[in-house]
PDB file of N, CA and C in Angstrom:
ATOM      1  N   MET A   1      52.430 136.617 121.877  1.00  0.00           N
ATOM      2  CA  MET A   1      53.531 137.406 122.353  1.00  0.00           C
ATOM      3  C   MET A   1      53.481 138.692 121.579  1.00  0.00           C
ATOM      4  N   ARG A   2      53.037 138.668 120.344  1.00  0.00           N
ATOM      5  CA  ARG A   2      52.968 139.914 119.493  1.00  0.00           C
ATOM      6  C   ARG A   2      51.953 140.889 120.136  1.00  0.00           C
ATOM      7  N   TYR A   3      50.798 140.164 120.523  1.00  0.00           N
ATOM      8  CA  TYR A   3      49.794 141.073 121.043  1.00  0.00           C
ATOM      9  C   TYR A   3      50.219 141.770 122.376  1.00  0.00           C
ATOM     10  N   LEU A   4      50.941 141.096 123.195  1.00  0.00           N
ATOM     11  CA  LEU A   4      51.458 141.702 124.474  1.00  0.00           C
ATOM     12  C   LEU A   4      52.421 142.738 124.189  1.00  0.00           C
ATOM     13  N   LEU A   5      53.323 142.455 123.265  1.00  0.00           N
ATOM     14  CA  LEU A   5      54.322 143.480 122.915  1.00  0.00           C
ATOM     15  C   LEU A   5      53.738 144.811 122.246  1.00  0.00           C
ATOM     16  N   GLY A   6      52.615 144.567 121.537  1.00  0.00           N
ATOM     17  CA  GLY A   6      52.011 145.575 120.719  1.00  0.00           C
ATOM     18  C   GLY A   6      50.970 146.475 121.514  1.00  0.00           C
ATOM     19  N   THR A   7      50.668 146.017 122.819  1.00  0.00           N
ATOM     20  CA  THR A   7      49.673 146.687 123.574  1.00  0.00           C
ATOM     21  C   THR A   7      50.193 147.066 124.885  1.00  0.00           C
ATOM     22  N   THR A   8      51.456 147.322 125.018  1.00  0.00           N
ATOM     23  CA  THR A   8      51.963 147.740 126.372  1.00  0.00           C
ATOM     24  C   THR A   8      51.499 149.020 126.851  1.00  0.00           C
ATOM     25  N   ASN A   9      51.025 149.804 125.893  1.00  0.00           N
ATOM     26  CA  ASN A   9      50.548 151.166 126.272  1.00  0.00           C
ATOM     27  C   ASN A   9      49.031 151.207 126.751  1.00  0.00           C
ATOM     28  N   LEU A  10      48.404 150.036 126.665  1.00  0.00           N
ATOM     29  CA  LEU A  10      47.012 150.004 126.999  1.00  0.00           C
ATOM     30  C   LEU A  10      46.942 149.493 128.529  1.00  0.00           C
ATOM     31  N   SER A  11      45.877 150.077 129.203  1.00  0.00           N
ATOM     32  CA  SER A  11      45.788 149.584 130.641  1.00  0.00           C
ATOM     33  C   SER A  11      44.292 150.013 131.058  1.00  0.00           C
ATOM     34  N   LEU A  12      43.905 149.356 132.276  1.00  0.00           N
ATOM     35  CA  LEU A  12      42.642 149.642 132.825  1.00  0.00           C
ATOM     36  C   LEU A  12      42.852 150.791 133.849  1.00  0.00           C
ATOM     37  N   TRP A  13      41.955 151.679 133.956  1.00  0.00           N
ATOM     38  CA  TRP A  13      42.038 152.910 134.840  1.00  0.00           C
ATOM     39  C   TRP A  13      40.832 152.933 135.776  1.00  0.00           C
ATOM     40  N   TYR A  14      41.045 152.954 137.046  1.00  0.00           N
ATOM     41  CA  TYR A  14      40.094 153.034 138.119  1.00  0.00           C
ATOM     42  C   TYR A  14      40.303 154.284 138.942  1.00  0.00           C
ATOM     43  N   PRO A  15      39.533 155.295 138.805  1.00  0.00           N
ATOM     44  CA  PRO A  15      39.725 156.488 139.559  1.00  0.00           C
ATOM     45  C   PRO A  15      39.413 156.258 140.963  1.00  0.00           C
ATOM     46  N   LYS A  16      40.018 156.944 141.959  1.00  0.00           N
ATOM     47  CA  LYS A  16      39.791 156.768 143.366  1.00  0.00           C
ATOM     48  C   LYS A  16      38.312 156.937 143.744  1.00  0.00           C
ATOM     49  N   ASN A  17      37.492 157.722 143.126  1.00  0.00           N
ATOM     50  CA  ASN A  17      36.228 158.098 143.527  1.00  0.00           C
ATOM     51  C   ASN A  17      35.250 157.141 142.921  1.00  0.00           C
ATOM     52  N   MET A  18      35.663 156.107 142.079  1.00  0.00           N
ATOM     53  CA  MET A  18      34.765 155.159 141.487  1.00  0.00           C
ATOM     54  C   MET A  18      34.537 154.040 142.330  1.00  0.00           C
ATOM     55  N   PRO A  19      33.262 153.490 142.627  1.00  0.00           N
ATOM     56  CA  PRO A  19      33.148 152.283 143.384  1.00  0.00           C
ATOM     57  C   PRO A  19      33.745 151.033 142.817  1.00  0.00           C
ATOM     58  N   PHE A  20      34.400 150.237 143.544  1.00  0.00           N
ATOM     59  CA  PHE A  20      35.146 149.196 143.072  1.00  0.00           C
ATOM     60  C   PHE A  20      34.345 147.862 143.470  1.00  0.00           C
ATOM     61  N   ASN A  21      33.363 147.670 142.597  1.00  0.00           N
ATOM     62  CA  ASN A  21      32.440 146.543 142.847  1.00  0.00           C
ATOM     63  C   ASN A  21      32.549 145.620 141.656  1.00  0.00           C
ATOM     64  N   LEU A  22      32.198 144.286 141.955  1.00  0.00           N
ATOM     65  CA  LEU A  22      32.303 143.260 140.933  1.00  0.00           C
ATOM     66  C   LEU A  22      30.844 142.905 140.646  1.00  0.00           C
ATOM     67  N   VAL A  23      30.436 142.763 139.266  1.00  0.00           N
ATOM     68  CA  VAL A  23      29.119 142.485 138.908  1.00  0.00           C
ATOM     69  C   VAL A  23      29.249 141.549 137.771  1.00  0.00           C
ATOM     70  N   GLY A  24      28.329 140.508 137.713  1.00  0.00           N
ATOM     71  CA  GLY A  24      28.174 139.557 136.566  1.00  0.00           C
ATOM     72  C   GLY A  24      26.917 139.652 135.925  1.00  0.00           C
ATOM     73  N   TYR A  25      27.013 139.494 134.605  1.00  0.00           N
ATOM     74  CA  TYR A  25      25.806 139.511 133.769  1.00  0.00           C
ATOM     75  C   TYR A  25      25.806 138.267 132.840  1.00  0.00           C
ATOM     76  N   PHE A  26      24.652 137.712 132.515  1.00  0.00           N
ATOM     77  CA  PHE A  26      24.637 136.585 131.695  1.00  0.00           C
ATOM     78  C   PHE A  26      23.313 136.537 130.936  1.00  0.00           C
ATOM     79  N   ASP A  27      23.345 135.990 129.709  1.00  0.00           N
ATOM     80  CA  ASP A  27      22.070 135.884 128.902  1.00  0.00           C
ATOM     81  C   ASP A  27      22.325 134.785 127.885  1.00  0.00           C
ATOM     82  N   SER A  28      21.244 134.373 127.431  1.00  0.00           N
ATOM     83  CA  SER A  28      21.280 133.320 126.326  1.00  0.00           C
ATOM     84  C   SER A  28      19.981 133.280 125.588  1.00  0.00           C
ATOM     85  N   ASP A  29      20.098 132.570 124.444  1.00  0.00           N
ATOM     86  CA  ASP A  29      18.946 132.410 123.627  1.00  0.00           C
ATOM     87  C   ASP A  29      18.530 131.006 123.757  1.00  0.00           C
ATOM     88  N   PHE A  30      17.309 130.637 123.186  1.00  0.00           N
ATOM     89  CA  PHE A  30      16.859 129.206 123.301  1.00  0.00           C
ATOM     90  C   PHE A  30      16.741 128.493 121.986  1.00  0.00           C
ATOM     91  N   ALA A  31      17.677 127.553 121.723  1.00  0.00           N
ATOM     92  CA  ALA A  31      17.689 126.798 120.489  1.00  0.00           C
ATOM     93  C   ALA A  31      17.860 127.462 119.326  1.00  0.00           C
ATOM     94  N   ARG A  32      18.845 128.497 119.148  1.00  0.00           N
ATOM     95  CA  ARG A  32      18.999 129.303 118.021  1.00  0.00           C
ATOM     96  C   ARG A  32      19.525 128.545 116.901  1.00  0.00           C
ATOM     97  N   CYS A  33      20.468 127.630 117.148  1.00  0.00           N
ATOM     98  CA  CYS A  33      21.036 126.896 116.052  1.00  0.00           C
ATOM     99  C   CYS A  33      20.015 125.946 115.335  1.00  0.00           C
ATOM    100  N   LYS A  34      19.729 126.177 114.054  1.00  0.00           N
ATOM    101  CA  LYS A  34      18.692 125.461 113.374  1.00  0.00           C
ATOM    102  C   LYS A  34      19.181 123.995 113.084  1.00  0.00           C
ATOM    103  N   THR A  35      20.452 123.706 113.099  1.00  0.00           N
ATOM    104  CA  THR A  35      20.967 122.367 112.710  1.00  0.00           C
ATOM    105  C   THR A  35      20.795 121.455 114.003  1.00  0.00           C
ATOM    106  N   ASN A  36      21.257 121.792 115.152  1.00  0.00           N
ATOM    107  CA  ASN A  36      21.298 120.921 116.253  1.00  0.00           C
ATOM    108  C   ASN A  36      20.535 121.437 117.388  1.00  0.00           C
ATOM    109  N   ARG A  37      19.887 122.585 117.297  1.00  0.00           N
ATOM    110  CA  ARG A  37      18.894 123.291 118.359  1.00  0.00           C
ATOM    111  C   ARG A  37      19.670 123.533 119.651  1.00  0.00           C
ATOM    112  N   LYS A  38      21.004 123.801 119.559  1.00  0.00           N
ATOM    113  CA  LYS A  38      21.836 124.153 120.711  1.00  0.00           C
ATOM    114  C   LYS A  38      21.665 125.663 120.908  1.00  0.00           C
ATOM    115  N   SER A  39      21.718 126.185 122.098  1.00  0.00           N
ATOM    116  CA  SER A  39      21.581 127.515 122.483  1.00  0.00           C
ATOM    117  C   SER A  39      22.908 128.224 122.552  1.00  0.00           C
ATOM    118  N   MET A  40      22.816 129.489 122.348  1.00  0.00           N
ATOM    119  CA  MET A  40      24.076 130.294 122.525  1.00  0.00           C
ATOM    120  C   MET A  40      23.991 131.078 123.807  1.00  0.00           C
ATOM    121  N   SER A  41      25.106 131.095 124.571  1.00  0.00           N
ATOM    122  CA  SER A  41      25.028 131.887 125.854  1.00  0.00           C
ATOM    123  C   SER A  41      26.217 132.739 125.874  1.00  0.00           C
ATOM    124  N   GLY A  42      26.177 133.627 126.858  1.00  0.00           N
ATOM    125  CA  GLY A  42      27.198 134.658 127.031  1.00  0.00           C
ATOM    126  C   GLY A  42      27.246 135.175 128.354  1.00  0.00           C
ATOM    127  N   THR A  43      28.349 135.548 128.988  1.00  0.00           N
ATOM    128  CA  THR A  43      28.571 136.174 130.240  1.00  0.00           C
ATOM    129  C   THR A  43      29.477 137.382 130.154  1.00  0.00           C
ATOM    130  N   CYS A  44      29.308 138.225 131.026  1.00  0.00           N
ATOM    131  CA  CYS A  44      30.342 139.313 131.112  1.00  0.00           C
ATOM    132  C   CYS A  44      30.460 139.741 132.650  1.00  0.00           C
ATOM    133  N   GLN A  45      31.613 140.188 132.987  1.00  0.00           N
ATOM    134  CA  GLN A  45      31.874 140.566 134.322  1.00  0.00           C
ATOM    135  C   GLN A  45      32.499 142.080 134.285  1.00  0.00           C
ATOM    136  N   PHE A  46      32.134 142.849 135.162  1.00  0.00           N
ATOM    137  CA  PHE A  46      32.517 144.290 135.302  1.00  0.00           C
ATOM    138  C   PHE A  46      33.113 144.493 136.590  1.00  0.00           C
ATOM    139  N   ILE A  47      34.179 145.275 136.792  1.00  0.00           N
ATOM    140  CA  ILE A  47      34.716 145.811 137.947  1.00  0.00           C
ATOM    141  C   ILE A  47      34.488 147.309 137.751  1.00  0.00           C
ATOM    142  N   GLY A  48      33.603 147.788 138.665  1.00  0.00           N
ATOM    143  CA  GLY A  48      33.163 149.145 138.573  1.00  0.00           C
ATOM    144  C   GLY A  48      32.414 149.257 137.237  1.00  0.00           C
ATOM    145  N   SER A  49      32.768 150.146 136.270  1.00  0.00           N
ATOM    146  CA  SER A  49      32.078 150.250 135.066  1.00  0.00           C
ATOM    147  C   SER A  49      32.999 149.785 133.834  1.00  0.00           C
ATOM    148  N   THR A  50      34.055 149.039 134.264  1.00  0.00           N
ATOM    149  CA  THR A  50      34.974 148.509 133.301  1.00  0.00           C
ATOM    150  C   THR A  50      34.789 147.038 132.922  1.00  0.00           C
ATOM    151  N   LEU A  51      34.509 146.739 131.807  1.00  0.00           N
ATOM    152  CA  LEU A  51      34.367 145.298 131.355  1.00  0.00           C
ATOM    153  C   LEU A  51      35.725 144.670 131.482  1.00  0.00           C
ATOM    154  N   VAL A  52      35.858 143.532 132.255  1.00  0.00           N
ATOM    155  CA  VAL A  52      37.156 142.914 132.505  1.00  0.00           C
ATOM    156  C   VAL A  52      37.110 141.512 131.973  1.00  0.00           C
ATOM    157  N   SER A  53      36.004 140.856 131.811  1.00  0.00           N
ATOM    158  CA  SER A  53      35.995 139.457 131.393  1.00  0.00           C
ATOM    159  C   SER A  53      34.611 139.201 130.689  1.00  0.00           C
ATOM    160  N   TRP A  54      34.754 138.359 129.636  1.00  0.00           N
ATOM    161  CA  TRP A  54      33.520 138.113 128.925  1.00  0.00           C
ATOM    162  C   TRP A  54      33.726 136.666 128.157  1.00  0.00           C
ATOM    163  N   HIS A  55      32.661 136.005 127.838  1.00  0.00           N
ATOM    164  CA  HIS A  55      32.794 134.938 126.880  1.00  0.00           C
ATOM    165  C   HIS A  55      31.439 134.643 126.297  1.00  0.00           C
ATOM    166  N   SER A  56      31.479 134.108 125.013  1.00  0.00           N
ATOM    167  CA  SER A  56      30.221 133.725 124.380  1.00  0.00           C
ATOM    168  C   SER A  56      30.406 132.347 123.681  1.00  0.00           C
ATOM    169  N   LYS A  57      29.491 131.440 123.841  1.00  0.00           N
ATOM    170  CA  LYS A  57      29.743 130.184 123.153  1.00  0.00           C
ATOM    171  C   LYS A  57      28.399 129.430 122.944  1.00  0.00           C
ATOM    172  N   LYS A  58      28.438 128.425 122.082  1.00  0.00           N
ATOM    173  CA  LYS A  58      27.337 127.630 121.932  1.00  0.00           C
ATOM    174  C   LYS A  58      27.372 126.562 123.074  1.00  0.00           C
ATOM    175  N   GLN A  59      26.276 126.281 123.647  1.00  0.00           N
ATOM    176  CA  GLN A  59      26.279 125.270 124.816  1.00  0.00           C
ATOM    177  C   GLN A  59      26.439 124.017 124.323  1.00  0.00           C
ATOM    178  N   ASN A  60      26.989 123.095 125.171  1.00  0.00           N
ATOM    179  CA  ASN A  60      27.332 121.770 124.873  1.00  0.00           C
ATOM    180  C   ASN A  60      26.162 120.820 124.708  1.00  0.00           C
ATOM    181  N   SER A  61      25.059 121.157 125.300  1.00  0.00           N
ATOM    182  CA  SER A  61      23.864 120.162 125.371  1.00  0.00           C
ATOM    183  C   SER A  61      22.748 120.959 124.871  1.00  0.00           C
ATOM    184  N   VAL A  62      21.720 120.221 124.391  1.00  0.00           N
ATOM    185  CA  VAL A  62      20.494 120.721 123.973  1.00  0.00           C
ATOM    186  C   VAL A  62      19.506 120.955 125.132  1.00  0.00           C
ATOM    187  N   ALA A  63      19.058 122.219 125.394  1.00  0.00           N
ATOM    188  CA  ALA A  63      18.265 122.436 126.479  1.00  0.00           C
ATOM    189  C   ALA A  63      16.805 122.254 126.126  1.00  0.00           C
ATOM    190  N   LEU A  64      15.977 121.919 127.116  1.00  0.00           N
ATOM    191  CA  LEU A  64      14.498 121.613 126.916  1.00  0.00           C
ATOM    192  C   LEU A  64      13.694 122.912 127.151  1.00  0.00           C
ATOM    193  N   SER A  65      14.275 123.966 127.832  1.00  0.00           N
ATOM    194  CA  SER A  65      13.428 125.171 128.073  1.00  0.00           C
ATOM    195  C   SER A  65      14.503 126.324 128.253  1.00  0.00           C
ATOM    196  N   THR A  66      13.872 127.509 128.318  1.00  0.00           N
ATOM    197  CA  THR A  66      14.659 128.609 128.499  1.00  0.00           C
ATOM    198  C   THR A  66      15.259 128.704 129.874  1.00  0.00           C
ATOM    199  N   THR A  67      14.519 128.187 130.953  1.00  0.00           N
ATOM    200  CA  THR A  67      15.040 128.191 132.302  1.00  0.00           C
ATOM    201  C   THR A  67      16.230 127.313 132.297  1.00  0.00           C
ATOM    202  N   GLU A  68      16.269 126.227 131.584  1.00  0.00           N
ATOM    203  CA  GLU A  68      17.351 125.293 131.642  1.00  0.00           C
ATOM    204  C   GLU A  68      18.644 126.001 130.985  1.00  0.00           C
ATOM    205  N   VAL A  69      18.366 126.755 129.875  1.00  0.00           N
ATOM    206  CA  VAL A  69      19.477 127.405 129.195  1.00  0.00           C
ATOM    207  C   VAL A  69      20.110 128.436 130.148  1.00  0.00           C
ATOM    208  N   GLU A  70      19.300 129.220 130.728  1.00  0.00           N
ATOM    209  CA  GLU A  70      19.814 130.260 131.669  1.00  0.00           C
ATOM    210  C   GLU A  70      20.487 129.666 132.907  1.00  0.00           C
ATOM    211  N   TYR A  71      19.911 128.634 133.452  1.00  0.00           N
ATOM    212  CA  TYR A  71      20.482 127.939 134.640  1.00  0.00           C
ATOM    213  C   TYR A  71      21.929 127.380 134.327  1.00  0.00           C
ATOM    214  N   ILE A  72      22.049 126.893 133.115  1.00  0.00           N
ATOM    215  CA  ILE A  72      23.345 126.419 132.732  1.00  0.00           C
ATOM    216  C   ILE A  72      24.380 127.436 132.651  1.00  0.00           C
ATOM    217  N   VAL A  73      23.967 128.539 132.029  1.00  0.00           N
ATOM    218  CA  VAL A  73      24.917 129.684 131.767  1.00  0.00           C
ATOM    219  C   VAL A  73      25.158 130.441 133.059  1.00  0.00           C
ATOM    220  N   VAL A  74      24.317 130.400 134.002  1.00  0.00           N
ATOM    221  CA  VAL A  74      24.513 131.074 135.403  1.00  0.00           C
ATOM    222  C   VAL A  74      25.766 130.302 136.100  1.00  0.00           C
ATOM    223  N   GLY A  75      25.804 129.000 135.780  1.00  0.00           N
ATOM    224  CA  GLY A  75      26.819 128.226 136.502  1.00  0.00           C
ATOM    225  C   GLY A  75      28.248 128.702 135.879  1.00  0.00           C
ATOM    226  N   SER A  76      28.232 128.968 134.544  1.00  0.00           N
ATOM    227  CA  SER A  76      29.477 129.442 133.987  1.00  0.00           C
ATOM    228  C   SER A  76      29.812 130.847 134.514  1.00  0.00           C
ATOM    229  N   CYS A  77      28.890 131.747 134.564  1.00  0.00           N
ATOM    230  CA  CYS A  77      29.075 133.115 135.052  1.00  0.00           C
ATOM    231  C   CYS A  77      29.558 133.102 136.536  1.00  0.00           C
ATOM    232  N   CYS A  78      29.014 132.230 137.416  1.00  0.00           N
ATOM    233  CA  CYS A  78      29.348 132.081 138.719  1.00  0.00           C
ATOM    234  C   CYS A  78      30.758 131.558 138.865  1.00  0.00           C
ATOM    235  N   ALA A  79      31.142 130.587 138.123  1.00  0.00           N
ATOM    236  CA  ALA A  79      32.495 130.032 138.226  1.00  0.00           C
ATOM    237  C   ALA A  79      33.507 131.199 137.871  1.00  0.00           C
ATOM    238  N   GLN A  80      33.255 132.000 136.927  1.00  0.00           N
ATOM    239  CA  GLN A  80      34.168 133.059 136.581  1.00  0.00           C
ATOM    240  C   GLN A  80      34.226 134.203 137.690  1.00  0.00           C
ATOM    241  N   ILE A  81      32.935 134.491 138.274  1.00  0.00           N
ATOM    242  CA  ILE A  81      32.930 135.501 139.364  1.00  0.00           C
ATOM    243  C   ILE A  81      33.757 134.953 140.544  1.00  0.00           C
ATOM    244  N   LEU A  82      33.564 133.693 140.888  1.00  0.00           N
ATOM    245  CA  LEU A  82      34.308 133.056 141.981  1.00  0.00           C
ATOM    246  C   LEU A  82      35.728 133.271 141.887  1.00  0.00           C
ATOM    247  N   TRP A  83      36.313 132.968 140.560  1.00  0.00           N
ATOM    248  CA  TRP A  83      37.675 132.975 140.353  1.00  0.00           C
ATOM    249  C   TRP A  83      38.195 134.443 140.439  1.00  0.00           C
ATOM    250  N   MET A  84      37.395 135.403 139.902  1.00  0.00           N
ATOM    251  CA  MET A  84      37.731 136.819 140.029  1.00  0.00           C
ATOM    252  C   MET A  84      37.747 137.311 141.433  1.00  0.00           C
ATOM    253  N   LYS A  85      36.782 136.839 142.243  1.00  0.00           N
ATOM    254  CA  LYS A  85      36.688 137.227 143.600  1.00  0.00           C
ATOM    255  C   LYS A  85      37.949 136.577 144.300  1.00  0.00           C
ATOM    256  N   GLN A  86      38.380 135.491 144.085  1.00  0.00           N
ATOM    257  CA  GLN A  86      39.614 134.975 144.722  1.00  0.00           C
ATOM    258  C   GLN A  86      40.863 135.737 144.348  1.00  0.00           C
ATOM    259  N   GLN A  87      40.867 136.182 142.962  1.00  0.00           N
ATOM    260  CA  GLN A  87      42.098 136.898 142.487  1.00  0.00           C
ATOM    261  C   GLN A  87      42.123 138.319 143.251  1.00  0.00           C
ATOM    262  N   LEU A  88      40.947 138.843 143.465  1.00  0.00           N
ATOM    263  CA  LEU A  88      40.974 140.252 144.099  1.00  0.00           C
ATOM    264  C   LEU A  88      41.176 139.996 145.621  1.00  0.00           C
ATOM    265  N   PHE A  89      40.862 138.900 146.186  1.00  0.00           N
ATOM    266  CA  PHE A  89      41.101 138.604 147.578  1.00  0.00           C
ATOM    267  C   PHE A  89      42.695 138.440 147.712  1.00  0.00           C
ATOM    268  N   ASP A  90      43.330 137.820 146.852  1.00  0.00           N
ATOM    269  CA  ASP A  90      44.753 137.663 146.795  1.00  0.00           C
ATOM    270  C   ASP A  90      45.436 138.919 146.719  1.00  0.00           C
ATOM    271  N   PHE A  91      44.797 139.980 146.124  1.00  0.00           N
ATOM    272  CA  PHE A  91      45.336 141.323 146.045  1.00  0.00           C
ATOM    273  C   PHE A  91      44.985 142.188 147.298  1.00  0.00           C
ATOM    274  N   GLY A  92      44.317 141.584 148.267  1.00  0.00           N
ATOM    275  CA  GLY A  92      43.849 142.287 149.447  1.00  0.00           C
ATOM    276  C   GLY A  92      42.550 142.914 149.475  1.00  0.00           C
ATOM    277  N   LEU A  93      41.695 142.688 148.395  1.00  0.00           N
ATOM    278  CA  LEU A  93      40.361 143.223 148.303  1.00  0.00           C
ATOM    279  C   LEU A  93      39.342 142.095 148.636  1.00  0.00           C
ATOM    280  N   SER A  94      38.510 142.473 149.587  1.00  0.00           N
ATOM    281  CA  SER A  94      37.531 141.535 150.025  1.00  0.00           C
ATOM    282  C   SER A  94      36.106 142.100 149.627  1.00  0.00           C
ATOM    283  N   LEU A  95      35.359 141.258 148.938  1.00  0.00           N
ATOM    284  CA  LEU A  95      33.982 141.539 148.373  1.00  0.00           C
ATOM    285  C   LEU A  95      32.965 140.608 149.074  1.00  0.00           C
ATOM    286  N   ASP A  96      32.086 141.203 149.834  1.00  0.00           N
ATOM    287  CA  ASP A  96      31.054 140.412 150.339  1.00  0.00           C
ATOM    288  C   ASP A  96      29.895 139.971 149.583  1.00  0.00           C
ATOM    289  N   HIS A  97      29.357 141.054 148.790  1.00  0.00           N
ATOM    290  CA  HIS A  97      28.129 140.834 148.023  1.00  0.00           C
ATOM    291  C   HIS A  97      28.462 141.071 146.468  1.00  0.00           C
ATOM    292  N   ILE A  98      28.192 140.090 145.751  1.00  0.00           N
ATOM    293  CA  ILE A  98      28.579 140.165 144.259  1.00  0.00           C
ATOM    294  C   ILE A  98      27.259 140.029 143.517  1.00  0.00           C
ATOM    295  N   PRO A  99      26.623 140.948 142.943  1.00  0.00           N
ATOM    296  CA  PRO A  99      25.394 140.615 142.241  1.00  0.00           C
ATOM    297  C   PRO A  99      25.574 139.982 140.900  1.00  0.00           C
ATOM    298  N   ILE A 100      24.738 139.040 140.535  1.00  0.00           N
ATOM    299  CA  ILE A 100      24.664 138.374 139.318  1.00  0.00           C
ATOM    300  C   ILE A 100      23.407 138.706 138.557  1.00  0.00           C
ATOM    301  N   ARG A 101      23.386 139.283 137.452  1.00  0.00           N
ATOM    302  CA  ARG A 101      22.113 139.791 136.877  1.00  0.00           C
ATOM    303  C   ARG A 101      21.706 138.941 135.606  1.00  0.00           C
ATOM    304  N   CYS A 102      20.438 138.764 135.546  1.00  0.00           N
ATOM    305  CA  CYS A 102      19.822 138.017 134.395  1.00  0.00           C
ATOM    306  C   CYS A 102      18.396 138.488 134.192  1.00  0.00           C
ATOM    307  N   ASP A 103      17.811 138.006 133.058  1.00  0.00           N
ATOM    308  CA  ASP A 103      16.513 138.427 132.759  1.00  0.00           C
ATOM    309  C   ASP A 103      15.410 137.366 132.756  1.00  0.00           C
ATOM    310  N   ASN A 104      15.785 136.142 133.401  1.00  0.00           N
ATOM    311  CA  ASN A 104      14.869 135.063 133.389  1.00  0.00           C
ATOM    312  C   ASN A 104      14.326 134.795 134.760  1.00  0.00           C
ATOM    313  N   THR A 105      13.198 135.033 135.124  1.00  0.00           N
ATOM    314  CA  THR A 105      12.492 134.881 136.407  1.00  0.00           C
ATOM    315  C   THR A 105      12.618 133.477 136.932  1.00  0.00           C
ATOM    316  N   SER A 106      12.302 132.489 136.045  1.00  0.00           N
ATOM    317  CA  SER A 106      12.306 131.102 136.335  1.00  0.00           C
ATOM    318  C   SER A 106      13.717 130.637 136.702  1.00  0.00           C
ATOM    319  N   ALA A 107      14.715 131.010 136.114  1.00  0.00           N
ATOM    320  CA  ALA A 107      16.103 130.706 136.437  1.00  0.00           C
ATOM    321  C   ALA A 107      16.416 131.274 137.881  1.00  0.00           C
ATOM    322  N   ILE A 108      16.017 132.521 138.107  1.00  0.00           N
ATOM    323  CA  ILE A 108      16.302 133.163 139.380  1.00  0.00           C
ATOM    324  C   ILE A 108      15.638 132.337 140.390  1.00  0.00           C
ATOM    325  N   ASN A 109      14.333 132.007 140.230  1.00  0.00           N
ATOM    326  CA  ASN A 109      13.590 131.183 141.225  1.00  0.00           C
ATOM    327  C   ASN A 109      14.253 129.856 141.532  1.00  0.00           C
ATOM    328  N   LEU A 110      14.728 129.289 140.396  1.00  0.00           N
ATOM    329  CA  LEU A 110      15.281 127.881 140.551  1.00  0.00           C
ATOM    330  C   LEU A 110      16.546 128.038 141.323  1.00  0.00           C
ATOM    331  N   SER A 111      17.409 129.046 141.141  1.00  0.00           N
ATOM    332  CA  SER A 111      18.650 129.250 141.853  1.00  0.00           C
ATOM    333  C   SER A 111      18.432 129.508 143.333  1.00  0.00           C
ATOM    334  N   LYS A 112      17.320 130.264 143.686  1.00  0.00           N
ATOM    335  CA  LYS A 112      16.880 130.410 145.023  1.00  0.00           C
ATOM    336  C   LYS A 112      16.462 129.243 145.769  1.00  0.00           C
ATOM    337  N   ASN A 113      15.807 128.252 144.970  1.00  0.00           N
ATOM    338  CA  ASN A 113      15.244 127.015 145.617  1.00  0.00           C
ATOM    339  C   ASN A 113      15.692 125.916 144.761  1.00  0.00           C
ATOM    340  N   PRO A 114      17.039 125.465 144.940  1.00  0.00           N
ATOM    341  CA  PRO A 114      17.571 124.435 144.036  1.00  0.00           C
ATOM    342  C   PRO A 114      17.135 122.931 144.441  1.00  0.00           C
ATOM    343  N   VAL A 115      15.940 122.752 144.875  1.00  0.00           N
ATOM    344  CA  VAL A 115      15.406 121.527 145.241  1.00  0.00           C
ATOM    345  C   VAL A 115      15.255 120.613 143.927  1.00  0.00           C
ATOM    346  N   LEU A 116      15.672 119.385 144.090  1.00  0.00           N
ATOM    347  CA  LEU A 116      15.660 118.488 142.892  1.00  0.00           C
ATOM    348  C   LEU A 116      14.128 118.291 142.359  1.00  0.00           C
ATOM    349  N   HIS A 117      13.818 119.089 141.455  1.00  0.00           N
ATOM    350  CA  HIS A 117      12.404 118.957 140.790  1.00  0.00           C
ATOM    351  C   HIS A 117      12.436 117.996 139.667  1.00  0.00           C
ATOM    352  N   SER A 118      11.304 117.431 139.419  1.00  0.00           N
ATOM    353  CA  SER A 118      11.193 116.402 138.301  1.00  0.00           C
ATOM    354  C   SER A 118      11.547 117.082 136.972  1.00  0.00           C
ATOM    355  N   ARG A 119      11.360 118.359 136.819  1.00  0.00           N
ATOM    356  CA  ARG A 119      11.572 118.970 135.426  1.00  0.00           C
ATOM    357  C   ARG A 119      12.984 119.608 135.370  1.00  0.00           C
ATOM    358  N   THR A 120      13.783 119.470 136.391  1.00  0.00           N
ATOM    359  CA  THR A 120      15.153 120.081 136.335  1.00  0.00           C
ATOM    360  C   THR A 120      16.276 119.039 136.816  1.00  0.00           C
ATOM    361  N   LYS A 121      15.956 117.811 137.058  1.00  0.00           N
ATOM    362  CA  LYS A 121      16.891 116.862 137.626  1.00  0.00           C
ATOM    363  C   LYS A 121      17.870 116.433 136.465  1.00  0.00           C
ATOM    364  N   HIS A 122      17.553 116.645 135.233  1.00  0.00           N
ATOM    365  CA  HIS A 122      18.438 116.340 134.090  1.00  0.00           C
ATOM    366  C   HIS A 122      19.327 117.386 133.792  1.00  0.00           C
ATOM    367  N   ILE A 123      19.295 118.549 134.295  1.00  0.00           N
ATOM    368  CA  ILE A 123      20.204 119.615 133.873  1.00  0.00           C
ATOM    369  C   ILE A 123      21.650 119.461 134.157  1.00  0.00           C
ATOM    370  N   GLU A 124      22.507 119.501 133.094  1.00  0.00           N
ATOM    371  CA  GLU A 124      23.965 119.421 133.442  1.00  0.00           C
ATOM    372  C   GLU A 124      24.477 120.782 133.584  1.00  0.00           C
ATOM    373  N   ILE A 125      25.264 121.041 134.662  1.00  0.00           N
ATOM    374  CA  ILE A 125      25.921 122.383 134.809  1.00  0.00           C
ATOM    375  C   ILE A 125      27.425 122.216 134.672  1.00  0.00           C
TER     376      ILE A 125
END
């Protein structure tokens, strides 16, 4: 409550000429924690050029590859994007194409072809 009362003068500003598009980004490392080998992951979502949502956390399970780490975090990013898309739809804004950006080619290929492969069937999303 203190935060809300102390920040009533802050707001997000979207000029009329700025494109109103939703974009998601995610990234992670592989087994950064030396104690339990869990990976750190993070996501952020932008509307236009304004950051509106983000999170960073240690993953719950130990991943066996960078592809697995990225594939797990893309699930988290997509869940947030879908929630935001529904909120915007409730305000009367319809978004057809929402890009999700990452830097792992293997995770991109796996998301395009989610066939149950022997090396990916253990992944918990």
